[in-house]
N, C-alpha and C. Protein backbone atom coordinates (compact mmCIF):
# COMPACT_ATOMS: atom_id res chain seq x y z
N UNK A 1 184.08 -115.79 101.51
CA UNK A 1 183.85 -115.48 100.11
C UNK A 1 183.17 -114.13 99.99
N UNK A 2 183.61 -113.34 98.98
CA UNK A 2 183.04 -112.00 98.81
C UNK A 2 181.66 -112.09 98.17
N UNK A 3 180.80 -111.20 98.64
CA UNK A 3 179.48 -111.12 98.02
C UNK A 3 179.55 -110.17 96.84
N UNK A 4 178.91 -110.55 95.81
CA UNK A 4 178.85 -109.68 94.64
C UNK A 4 177.65 -108.76 94.76
N UNK A 5 177.80 -107.60 94.22
CA UNK A 5 176.67 -106.67 94.30
C UNK A 5 175.57 -107.15 93.37
N UNK A 6 174.38 -106.82 93.73
CA UNK A 6 173.24 -107.29 92.94
C UNK A 6 173.00 -106.42 91.71
N UNK A 7 173.72 -105.28 91.62
CA UNK A 7 173.55 -104.39 90.47
C UNK A 7 174.22 -104.99 89.25
N UNK A 8 173.56 -104.94 88.15
CA UNK A 8 174.16 -105.39 86.90
C UNK A 8 174.75 -104.19 86.19
N UNK A 9 175.76 -104.45 85.41
CA UNK A 9 176.30 -103.35 84.60
C UNK A 9 175.32 -103.10 83.46
N UNK A 10 174.70 -101.96 83.52
CA UNK A 10 173.69 -101.66 82.50
C UNK A 10 174.29 -100.96 81.29
N UNK A 11 175.47 -100.37 81.48
CA UNK A 11 176.06 -99.64 80.36
C UNK A 11 177.04 -100.51 79.59
N UNK A 12 176.88 -100.49 78.30
CA UNK A 12 177.77 -101.21 77.41
C UNK A 12 179.07 -100.42 77.28
N UNK A 13 180.14 -101.09 76.96
CA UNK A 13 181.44 -100.40 76.83
C UNK A 13 181.40 -99.39 75.68
N UNK A 14 180.61 -99.67 74.66
CA UNK A 14 180.50 -98.72 73.54
C UNK A 14 179.80 -97.43 73.96
N UNK A 15 178.85 -97.54 74.84
CA UNK A 15 178.15 -96.35 75.35
C UNK A 15 179.11 -95.51 76.18
N UNK A 16 179.91 -96.19 77.00
CA UNK A 16 180.90 -95.48 77.82
C UNK A 16 181.90 -94.75 76.92
N UNK A 17 182.38 -95.44 75.88
CA UNK A 17 183.34 -94.83 74.95
C UNK A 17 182.71 -93.63 74.24
N UNK A 18 181.46 -93.75 73.82
CA UNK A 18 180.78 -92.65 73.15
C UNK A 18 180.65 -91.44 74.07
N UNK A 19 180.38 -91.68 75.35
CA UNK A 19 180.27 -90.58 76.31
C UNK A 19 181.62 -89.88 76.49
N UNK A 20 182.69 -90.65 76.53
CA UNK A 20 184.03 -90.06 76.67
C UNK A 20 184.36 -89.19 75.47
N UNK A 21 184.07 -89.70 74.27
CA UNK A 21 184.33 -88.93 73.05
C UNK A 21 183.50 -87.65 73.04
N UNK A 22 182.24 -87.75 73.44
CA UNK A 22 181.36 -86.57 73.47
C UNK A 22 181.90 -85.50 74.42
N UNK A 23 182.36 -85.93 75.60
CA UNK A 23 182.90 -84.98 76.57
C UNK A 23 184.16 -84.31 76.02
N UNK A 24 184.99 -85.09 75.36
CA UNK A 24 186.23 -84.54 74.78
C UNK A 24 185.92 -83.52 73.70
N UNK A 25 184.96 -83.85 72.84
CA UNK A 25 184.59 -82.93 71.77
C UNK A 25 184.01 -81.64 72.34
N UNK A 26 183.16 -81.77 73.35
CA UNK A 26 182.56 -80.59 73.97
C UNK A 26 183.64 -79.67 74.54
N UNK A 27 184.66 -80.26 75.17
CA UNK A 27 185.74 -79.45 75.73
C UNK A 27 186.55 -78.77 74.65
N UNK A 28 186.81 -79.48 73.53
CA UNK A 28 187.61 -78.88 72.46
C UNK A 28 186.84 -77.76 71.76
N UNK A 29 185.53 -77.90 71.68
CA UNK A 29 184.72 -76.83 71.07
C UNK A 29 184.78 -75.58 71.95
N UNK A 30 184.71 -75.76 73.25
CA UNK A 30 184.80 -74.61 74.15
C UNK A 30 186.14 -73.92 74.03
N UNK A 31 187.23 -74.69 73.92
CA UNK A 31 188.56 -74.11 73.80
C UNK A 31 188.70 -73.35 72.49
N UNK A 32 188.20 -73.93 71.38
CA UNK A 32 188.38 -73.28 70.08
C UNK A 32 187.55 -72.01 69.97
N UNK A 33 186.38 -71.96 70.61
CA UNK A 33 185.57 -70.75 70.54
C UNK A 33 186.23 -69.60 71.30
N UNK A 34 186.99 -69.92 72.35
CA UNK A 34 187.68 -68.89 73.10
C UNK A 34 188.88 -68.36 72.34
N UNK A 35 189.56 -69.21 71.58
CA UNK A 35 190.78 -68.81 70.92
C UNK A 35 190.51 -67.99 69.65
N UNK A 36 189.27 -67.93 69.18
CA UNK A 36 188.97 -67.17 67.97
C UNK A 36 188.89 -65.67 68.23
N UNK A 37 188.81 -65.27 69.47
CA UNK A 37 188.76 -63.85 69.79
C UNK A 37 190.15 -63.26 69.58
N UNK A 38 190.22 -62.20 68.80
CA UNK A 38 191.52 -61.59 68.50
C UNK A 38 191.75 -60.37 69.37
N UNK A 39 192.99 -60.18 69.72
CA UNK A 39 193.40 -59.02 70.48
C UNK A 39 193.49 -57.84 69.51
N UNK A 40 192.71 -56.79 69.71
CA UNK A 40 192.72 -55.67 68.75
C UNK A 40 194.08 -54.98 68.65
N UNK A 41 194.84 -54.97 69.75
CA UNK A 41 196.17 -54.35 69.70
C UNK A 41 197.11 -55.16 68.81
N UNK A 42 197.02 -56.47 68.90
CA UNK A 42 197.86 -57.33 68.07
C UNK A 42 197.47 -57.20 66.59
N UNK A 43 196.18 -57.07 66.34
CA UNK A 43 195.71 -56.90 64.96
C UNK A 43 196.26 -55.60 64.38
N UNK A 44 196.22 -54.54 65.16
CA UNK A 44 196.71 -53.24 64.70
C UNK A 44 198.21 -53.29 64.40
N UNK A 45 198.98 -53.95 65.27
CA UNK A 45 200.42 -54.07 65.04
C UNK A 45 200.72 -54.89 63.78
N UNK A 46 199.97 -55.97 63.59
CA UNK A 46 200.17 -56.80 62.40
C UNK A 46 199.87 -56.03 61.13
N UNK A 47 198.82 -55.25 61.16
CA UNK A 47 198.45 -54.45 59.98
C UNK A 47 199.51 -53.40 59.69
N UNK A 48 200.00 -52.77 60.75
CA UNK A 48 201.02 -51.75 60.59
C UNK A 48 202.27 -52.33 59.93
N UNK A 49 202.69 -53.49 60.41
CA UNK A 49 203.86 -54.15 59.83
C UNK A 49 203.60 -54.58 58.39
N UNK A 50 202.40 -55.04 58.12
CA UNK A 50 202.05 -55.47 56.76
C UNK A 50 202.06 -54.32 55.78
N UNK A 51 201.60 -53.17 56.22
CA UNK A 51 201.58 -52.00 55.34
C UNK A 51 203.00 -51.54 55.00
N UNK A 52 203.89 -51.65 55.97
CA UNK A 52 205.28 -51.25 55.74
C UNK A 52 206.05 -52.28 54.92
N UNK A 53 205.73 -53.55 55.14
CA UNK A 53 206.53 -54.64 54.59
C UNK A 53 206.60 -54.68 53.08
N UNK A 54 205.48 -54.54 52.40
CA UNK A 54 205.46 -54.63 50.94
C UNK A 54 206.28 -53.54 50.29
N UNK A 55 206.13 -52.34 50.80
CA UNK A 55 206.87 -51.20 50.24
C UNK A 55 208.37 -51.36 50.49
N UNK A 56 208.74 -51.78 51.70
CA UNK A 56 210.15 -51.95 52.04
C UNK A 56 210.77 -53.05 51.19
N UNK A 57 210.03 -54.13 50.97
CA UNK A 57 210.55 -55.23 50.16
C UNK A 57 210.74 -54.79 48.72
N UNK A 58 209.80 -54.03 48.19
CA UNK A 58 209.90 -53.56 46.80
C UNK A 58 211.12 -52.64 46.62
N UNK A 59 211.40 -51.83 47.61
CA UNK A 59 212.55 -50.93 47.52
C UNK A 59 213.88 -51.71 47.53
N UNK A 60 213.91 -52.84 48.23
CA UNK A 60 215.13 -53.62 48.32
C UNK A 60 215.42 -54.42 47.05
N UNK A 61 214.37 -54.78 46.30
CA UNK A 61 214.55 -55.62 45.12
C UNK A 61 215.17 -54.84 43.97
N UNK A 62 216.04 -55.53 43.23
CA UNK A 62 216.60 -54.90 42.04
C UNK A 62 215.57 -55.00 40.91
N UNK A 63 215.78 -54.23 39.88
CA UNK A 63 214.86 -54.24 38.74
C UNK A 63 214.83 -55.62 38.09
N UNK A 64 215.99 -56.27 38.02
CA UNK A 64 216.07 -57.60 37.41
C UNK A 64 215.25 -58.61 38.22
N UNK A 65 215.38 -58.55 39.54
CA UNK A 65 214.66 -59.50 40.39
C UNK A 65 213.15 -59.25 40.34
N UNK A 66 212.73 -57.98 40.30
CA UNK A 66 211.30 -57.66 40.18
C UNK A 66 210.74 -58.22 38.88
N UNK A 67 211.54 -58.13 37.81
CA UNK A 67 211.11 -58.64 36.51
C UNK A 67 210.95 -60.16 36.55
N UNK A 68 211.87 -60.85 37.23
CA UNK A 68 211.78 -62.31 37.36
C UNK A 68 210.51 -62.71 38.12
N UNK A 69 210.23 -61.99 39.19
CA UNK A 69 209.05 -62.29 40.00
C UNK A 69 207.78 -62.06 39.18
N UNK A 70 207.76 -60.97 38.41
CA UNK A 70 206.59 -60.66 37.59
C UNK A 70 206.38 -61.72 36.51
N UNK A 71 207.47 -62.19 35.90
CA UNK A 71 207.35 -63.24 34.87
C UNK A 71 206.79 -64.53 35.48
N UNK A 72 207.30 -64.89 36.65
CA UNK A 72 206.85 -66.11 37.32
C UNK A 72 205.36 -66.01 37.65
N UNK A 73 204.94 -64.85 38.12
CA UNK A 73 203.53 -64.65 38.46
C UNK A 73 202.65 -64.74 37.23
N UNK A 74 203.11 -64.14 36.14
CA UNK A 74 202.34 -64.17 34.89
C UNK A 74 202.21 -65.59 34.38
N UNK A 75 203.30 -66.35 34.42
CA UNK A 75 203.25 -67.75 33.98
C UNK A 75 202.28 -68.57 34.84
N UNK A 76 202.28 -68.33 36.13
CA UNK A 76 201.38 -69.04 37.02
C UNK A 76 199.92 -68.72 36.68
N UNK A 77 199.64 -67.47 36.36
CA UNK A 77 198.27 -67.08 35.99
C UNK A 77 197.85 -67.73 34.67
N UNK A 78 198.76 -67.74 33.71
CA UNK A 78 198.43 -68.29 32.39
C UNK A 78 198.34 -69.80 32.39
N UNK A 79 199.04 -70.46 33.30
CA UNK A 79 199.01 -71.92 33.34
C UNK A 79 197.77 -72.48 34.03
N UNK A 80 196.97 -71.63 34.63
CA UNK A 80 195.75 -72.10 35.30
C UNK A 80 194.82 -72.65 34.30
């Protein structure tokens, strides 16, 4: 017959679960803090494209379509 160890389980299953959740949260916080750092080169490229985009889009739109967009925007502002 096997002998049982004399040690009792002192930790409750809820305590074990809480420790697992805490470890998981700590790891996710570390990952999210690293991902918030932005690459300055990527930021510069995005800004460059953004500056070009609005002007290029406006040139492509017809006068009728610009008028429709402006009316829709005005209605949205007034309906607030």
